[in-house]
Amino acid sequence: MRRPHEDALAAAAGDAANLAKAYRAYIALEEAGGDASRVQCMYERAVVSAPTDPVLWRRYTSYLDHTVKVRVMSAAAHARATRNCPTSGETWAGAHTRPLLRST
């Protein structure tokens, strides 16, 4: 089940667009499986491979905010996202509106 996704990641090495596509497919598989730790592991692998991809960071932080709901992990990921994507206004907005979402 996971082997084709691992093969797609290996084949996409060096091609940022195909690598992002392969990670999105793999993350979708893990999200469908419902194991939050596996999903988080895949997001971590993805952001290590593409640390300056603001879309990936927004998806990851959104997953942490709305599914995992552990403030310490979420806050750390938002901090990493803004450090790695300092020119992304949406990444900064997500980091600063996260505490507002928690209080409701």
N, C-alpha and C. Protein backbone atom coordinates (compact mmCIF):
# COMPACT_ATOMS: atom_id res chain seq x y z
N MET A 1 0.82 -1.20 0.00
CA MET A 1 0.00 0.00 0.00
C MET A 1 0.86 1.26 0.00
N ARG A 2 1.92 1.25 0.79
CA ARG A 2 2.78 2.44 0.87
C ARG A 2 3.95 2.39 -0.13
N ARG A 3 4.31 1.21 -0.59
CA ARG A 3 5.46 1.07 -1.49
C ARG A 3 5.35 1.95 -2.73
N PRO A 4 4.19 2.03 -3.41
CA PRO A 4 4.11 2.90 -4.58
C PRO A 4 4.38 4.37 -4.25
N HIS A 5 3.97 4.78 -3.05
CA HIS A 5 4.21 6.17 -2.65
C HIS A 5 5.69 6.41 -2.36
N GLU A 6 6.33 5.46 -1.72
CA GLU A 6 7.77 5.57 -1.47
C GLU A 6 8.53 5.58 -2.80
N ASP A 7 8.09 4.75 -3.74
CA ASP A 7 8.73 4.72 -5.06
C ASP A 7 8.55 6.06 -5.79
N ALA A 8 7.35 6.65 -5.66
CA ALA A 8 7.09 7.94 -6.30
C ALA A 8 7.97 9.03 -5.69
N LEU A 9 8.19 8.98 -4.38
CA LEU A 9 9.08 9.95 -3.73
C LEU A 9 10.51 9.79 -4.24
N ALA A 10 10.95 8.55 -4.34
CA ALA A 10 12.32 8.30 -4.82
C ALA A 10 12.48 8.76 -6.26
N ALA A 11 11.47 8.51 -7.08
CA ALA A 11 11.54 8.90 -8.49
C ALA A 11 11.50 10.41 -8.68
N ALA A 12 10.88 11.11 -7.74
CA ALA A 12 10.72 12.57 -7.86
C ALA A 12 11.88 13.35 -7.25
N ALA A 13 12.85 12.67 -6.69
CA ALA A 13 13.99 13.36 -6.07
C ALA A 13 14.62 14.34 -7.06
N GLY A 14 14.79 15.57 -6.62
CA GLY A 14 15.39 16.60 -7.46
C GLY A 14 14.39 17.39 -8.28
N ASP A 15 13.16 16.97 -8.33
CA ASP A 15 12.12 17.67 -9.08
C ASP A 15 11.08 18.18 -8.08
N ALA A 16 11.18 19.43 -7.71
CA ALA A 16 10.35 19.98 -6.64
C ALA A 16 8.85 19.82 -6.89
N ALA A 17 8.41 20.06 -8.09
CA ALA A 17 6.97 19.96 -8.39
C ALA A 17 6.47 18.53 -8.23
N ASN A 18 7.21 17.57 -8.79
CA ASN A 18 6.79 16.17 -8.67
C ASN A 18 6.94 15.65 -7.24
N LEU A 19 7.94 16.14 -6.53
CA LEU A 19 8.12 15.74 -5.14
C LEU A 19 6.95 16.22 -4.29
N ALA A 20 6.54 17.47 -4.50
CA ALA A 20 5.40 18.01 -3.76
C ALA A 20 4.14 17.21 -4.06
N LYS A 21 3.94 16.86 -5.33
CA LYS A 21 2.78 16.08 -5.73
C LYS A 21 2.81 14.70 -5.06
N ALA A 22 3.98 14.06 -5.04
CA ALA A 22 4.11 12.74 -4.43
C ALA A 22 3.84 12.80 -2.93
N TYR A 23 4.35 13.84 -2.27
CA TYR A 23 4.08 13.98 -0.83
C TYR A 23 2.60 14.24 -0.57
N ARG A 24 1.95 15.06 -1.38
CA ARG A 24 0.52 15.31 -1.18
C ARG A 24 -0.29 14.02 -1.28
N ALA A 25 0.06 13.18 -2.25
CA ALA A 25 -0.65 11.90 -2.41
C ALA A 25 -0.40 10.99 -1.21
N TYR A 26 0.82 10.96 -0.76
CA TYR A 26 1.17 10.10 0.38
C TYR A 26 0.49 10.60 1.65
N ILE A 27 0.49 11.90 1.85
CA ILE A 27 -0.17 12.48 3.01
C ILE A 27 -1.67 12.19 2.97
N ALA A 28 -2.27 12.29 1.80
CA ALA A 28 -3.70 11.98 1.66
C ALA A 28 -3.98 10.53 2.04
N LEU A 29 -3.11 9.62 1.64
CA LEU A 29 -3.26 8.21 2.02
C LEU A 29 -3.23 8.07 3.53
N GLU A 30 -2.26 8.69 4.17
CA GLU A 30 -2.13 8.58 5.63
C GLU A 30 -3.30 9.25 6.35
N GLU A 31 -3.77 10.39 5.83
CA GLU A 31 -4.92 11.05 6.44
C GLU A 31 -6.16 10.16 6.36
N ALA A 32 -6.33 9.47 5.23
CA ALA A 32 -7.47 8.56 5.07
C ALA A 32 -7.37 7.40 6.05
N GLY A 33 -6.15 7.01 6.41
CA GLY A 33 -5.95 5.93 7.37
C GLY A 33 -6.30 6.33 8.79
N GLY A 34 -6.27 7.62 9.08
CA GLY A 34 -6.70 8.12 10.38
C GLY A 34 -5.69 8.03 11.51
N ASP A 35 -4.46 7.64 11.25
CA ASP A 35 -3.44 7.56 12.29
C ASP A 35 -2.68 8.88 12.33
N ALA A 36 -2.99 9.70 13.32
CA ALA A 36 -2.43 11.05 13.40
C ALA A 36 -0.90 11.05 13.45
N SER A 37 -0.31 10.07 14.11
CA SER A 37 1.15 10.05 14.19
C SER A 37 1.78 9.76 12.82
N ARG A 38 1.15 8.91 12.02
CA ARG A 38 1.66 8.64 10.68
C ARG A 38 1.52 9.87 9.79
N VAL A 39 0.40 10.57 9.93
CA VAL A 39 0.18 11.79 9.15
C VAL A 39 1.23 12.83 9.52
N GLN A 40 1.43 13.01 10.80
CA GLN A 40 2.43 13.99 11.25
C GLN A 40 3.82 13.61 10.75
N CYS A 41 4.15 12.34 10.78
CA CYS A 41 5.44 11.88 10.28
C CYS A 41 5.61 12.22 8.80
N MET A 42 4.56 12.02 8.02
CA MET A 42 4.64 12.34 6.59
C MET A 42 4.80 13.84 6.37
N TYR A 43 4.06 14.64 7.12
CA TYR A 43 4.23 16.09 6.99
C TYR A 43 5.66 16.49 7.36
N GLU A 44 6.20 15.91 8.41
CA GLU A 44 7.57 16.23 8.80
C GLU A 44 8.56 15.86 7.69
N ARG A 45 8.39 14.69 7.10
CA ARG A 45 9.25 14.32 5.98
C ARG A 45 9.12 15.32 4.85
N ALA A 46 7.90 15.73 4.58
CA ALA A 46 7.65 16.66 3.47
C ALA A 46 8.30 18.02 3.72
N VAL A 47 8.15 18.56 4.93
CA VAL A 47 8.72 19.89 5.17
C VAL A 47 10.24 19.86 5.26
N VAL A 48 10.80 18.70 5.58
CA VAL A 48 12.27 18.58 5.52
C VAL A 48 12.72 18.61 4.06
N SER A 49 11.95 17.97 3.20
CA SER A 49 12.31 17.94 1.77
C SER A 49 12.03 19.25 1.06
N ALA A 50 11.01 19.98 1.51
CA ALA A 50 10.63 21.25 0.86
C ALA A 50 10.35 22.29 1.94
N PRO A 51 11.39 22.74 2.65
CA PRO A 51 11.17 23.62 3.80
C PRO A 51 10.66 25.02 3.46
N THR A 52 10.74 25.42 2.21
CA THR A 52 10.30 26.77 1.85
C THR A 52 8.98 26.77 1.08
N ASP A 53 8.23 25.68 1.17
CA ASP A 53 6.94 25.58 0.49
C ASP A 53 5.84 26.06 1.43
N PRO A 54 5.34 27.28 1.23
CA PRO A 54 4.34 27.81 2.17
C PRO A 54 3.01 27.06 2.15
N VAL A 55 2.63 26.51 1.01
CA VAL A 55 1.38 25.74 0.94
C VAL A 55 1.48 24.49 1.81
N LEU A 56 2.59 23.82 1.73
CA LEU A 56 2.81 22.63 2.55
C LEU A 56 2.77 22.98 4.04
N TRP A 57 3.45 24.05 4.39
CA TRP A 57 3.43 24.47 5.80
C TRP A 57 2.02 24.83 6.25
N ARG A 58 1.24 25.52 5.42
CA ARG A 58 -0.13 25.88 5.82
C ARG A 58 -0.98 24.63 6.02
N ARG A 59 -0.83 23.66 5.14
CA ARG A 59 -1.59 22.41 5.30
C ARG A 59 -1.18 21.69 6.58
N TYR A 60 0.11 21.65 6.84
CA TYR A 60 0.61 20.97 8.04
C TYR A 60 0.12 21.67 9.30
N THR A 61 0.28 22.98 9.36
CA THR A 61 -0.15 23.69 10.57
C THR A 61 -1.66 23.62 10.74
N SER A 62 -2.39 23.64 9.65
CA SER A 62 -3.85 23.49 9.74
C SER A 62 -4.21 22.12 10.29
N TYR A 63 -3.51 21.09 9.82
CA TYR A 63 -3.75 19.74 10.34
C TYR A 63 -3.48 19.70 11.84
N LEU A 64 -2.38 20.28 12.27
CA LEU A 64 -2.06 20.29 13.70
C LEU A 64 -3.10 21.09 14.49
N ASP A 65 -3.51 22.23 13.96
CA ASP A 65 -4.48 23.08 14.65
C ASP A 65 -5.84 22.42 14.80
N HIS A 66 -6.31 21.78 13.73
CA HIS A 66 -7.69 21.31 13.70
C HIS A 66 -7.88 19.82 13.96
N THR A 67 -6.82 19.04 13.84
CA THR A 67 -6.96 17.60 14.05
C THR A 67 -6.20 17.14 15.28
N VAL A 68 -4.92 17.48 15.36
CA VAL A 68 -4.11 17.03 16.50
C VAL A 68 -4.45 17.83 17.75
N LYS A 69 -4.55 19.13 17.61
CA LYS A 69 -4.97 20.04 18.68
C LYS A 69 -4.09 19.98 19.93
N VAL A 70 -2.77 19.91 19.71
CA VAL A 70 -1.81 20.00 20.81
C VAL A 70 -1.08 21.31 20.63
N ARG A 71 -1.34 22.24 21.53
CA ARG A 71 -0.83 23.61 21.38
C ARG A 71 0.68 23.69 21.20
N VAL A 72 1.42 22.93 21.97
CA VAL A 72 2.88 23.01 21.91
C VAL A 72 3.38 22.60 20.52
N MET A 73 2.85 21.51 19.99
CA MET A 73 3.27 21.07 18.65
C MET A 73 2.85 22.08 17.59
N SER A 74 1.65 22.57 17.72
CA SER A 74 1.13 23.52 16.74
C SER A 74 1.95 24.81 16.75
N ALA A 75 2.21 25.32 17.94
CA ALA A 75 2.98 26.57 18.06
C ALA A 75 4.39 26.40 17.48
N ALA A 76 5.01 25.26 17.75
CA ALA A 76 6.36 25.00 17.22
C ALA A 76 6.34 24.94 15.70
N ALA A 77 5.33 24.29 15.14
CA ALA A 77 5.24 24.19 13.68
C ALA A 77 4.98 25.55 13.05
N HIS A 78 4.12 26.35 13.67
CA HIS A 78 3.88 27.70 13.14
C HIS A 78 5.16 28.53 13.18
N ALA A 79 5.93 28.41 14.25
CA ALA A 79 7.20 29.14 14.35
C ALA A 79 8.17 28.69 13.25
N ARG A 80 8.27 27.41 13.03
CA ARG A 80 9.13 26.90 11.96
C ARG A 80 8.66 27.37 10.60
N ALA A 81 7.34 27.37 10.40
CA ALA A 81 6.78 27.80 9.11
C ALA A 81 7.14 29.25 8.82
N THR A 82 7.00 30.12 9.81
CA THR A 82 7.32 31.54 9.57
C THR A 82 8.81 31.76 9.39
N ARG A 83 9.63 30.94 10.05
CA ARG A 83 11.08 31.04 9.87
C ARG A 83 11.48 30.60 8.46
N ASN A 84 10.86 29.55 7.97
CA ASN A 84 11.22 29.01 6.65
C ASN A 84 10.55 29.73 5.49
N CYS A 85 9.44 30.38 5.74
CA CYS A 85 8.70 31.09 4.67
C CYS A 85 8.42 32.52 5.14
N PRO A 86 9.46 33.31 5.37
CA PRO A 86 9.26 34.64 5.95
C PRO A 86 8.51 35.62 5.06
N THR A 87 8.42 35.35 3.77
CA THR A 87 7.73 36.27 2.87
C THR A 87 6.29 35.87 2.59
N SER A 88 5.82 34.80 3.23
CA SER A 88 4.46 34.32 3.00
C SER A 88 3.52 34.97 4.02
N GLY A 89 2.71 35.89 3.54
CA GLY A 89 1.75 36.57 4.41
C GLY A 89 0.75 35.61 5.01
N GLU A 90 0.31 34.62 4.24
CA GLU A 90 -0.67 33.66 4.76
C GLU A 90 -0.08 32.81 5.88
N THR A 91 1.20 32.49 5.78
CA THR A 91 1.86 31.73 6.84
C THR A 91 1.93 32.55 8.12
N TRP A 92 2.30 33.82 7.99
CA TRP A 92 2.34 34.70 9.14
C TRP A 92 0.94 34.90 9.73
N ALA A 93 -0.05 35.08 8.87
CA ALA A 93 -1.42 35.27 9.36
C ALA A 93 -1.89 34.03 10.13
N GLY A 94 -1.59 32.86 9.61
CA GLY A 94 -1.98 31.63 10.30
C GLY A 94 -1.32 31.52 11.66
N ALA A 95 -0.07 31.93 11.75
CA ALA A 95 0.65 31.86 13.03
C ALA A 95 0.06 32.82 14.05
N HIS A 96 -0.43 33.96 13.57
CA HIS A 96 -0.94 34.97 14.51
C HIS A 96 -2.42 34.83 14.80
N THR A 97 -3.17 34.15 13.94
CA THR A 97 -4.59 33.96 14.23
C THR A 97 -4.84 32.65 14.96
N ARG A 98 -3.86 31.77 15.02
CA ARG A 98 -4.00 30.49 15.72
C ARG A 98 -4.45 30.66 17.16
N PRO A 99 -3.86 31.58 17.94
CA PRO A 99 -4.34 31.74 19.31
C PRO A 99 -5.79 32.22 19.37
N LEU A 100 -6.22 32.98 18.40
CA LEU A 100 -7.60 33.45 18.38
C LEU A 100 -8.55 32.28 18.13
N LEU A 101 -8.15 31.35 17.28
CA LEU A 101 -8.99 30.17 17.01
C LEU A 101 -9.12 29.28 18.24
N ARG A 102 -8.09 29.23 19.04
CA ARG A 102 -8.09 28.39 20.24
C ARG A 102 -9.05 28.90 21.31
N SER A 103 -9.23 30.22 21.36
CA SER A 103 -10.04 30.79 22.44
C SER A 103 -11.52 30.69 22.18
N THR A 104 -11.93 30.29 20.97
CA THR A 104 -13.37 30.19 20.68
C THR A 104 -13.91 28.83 20.97
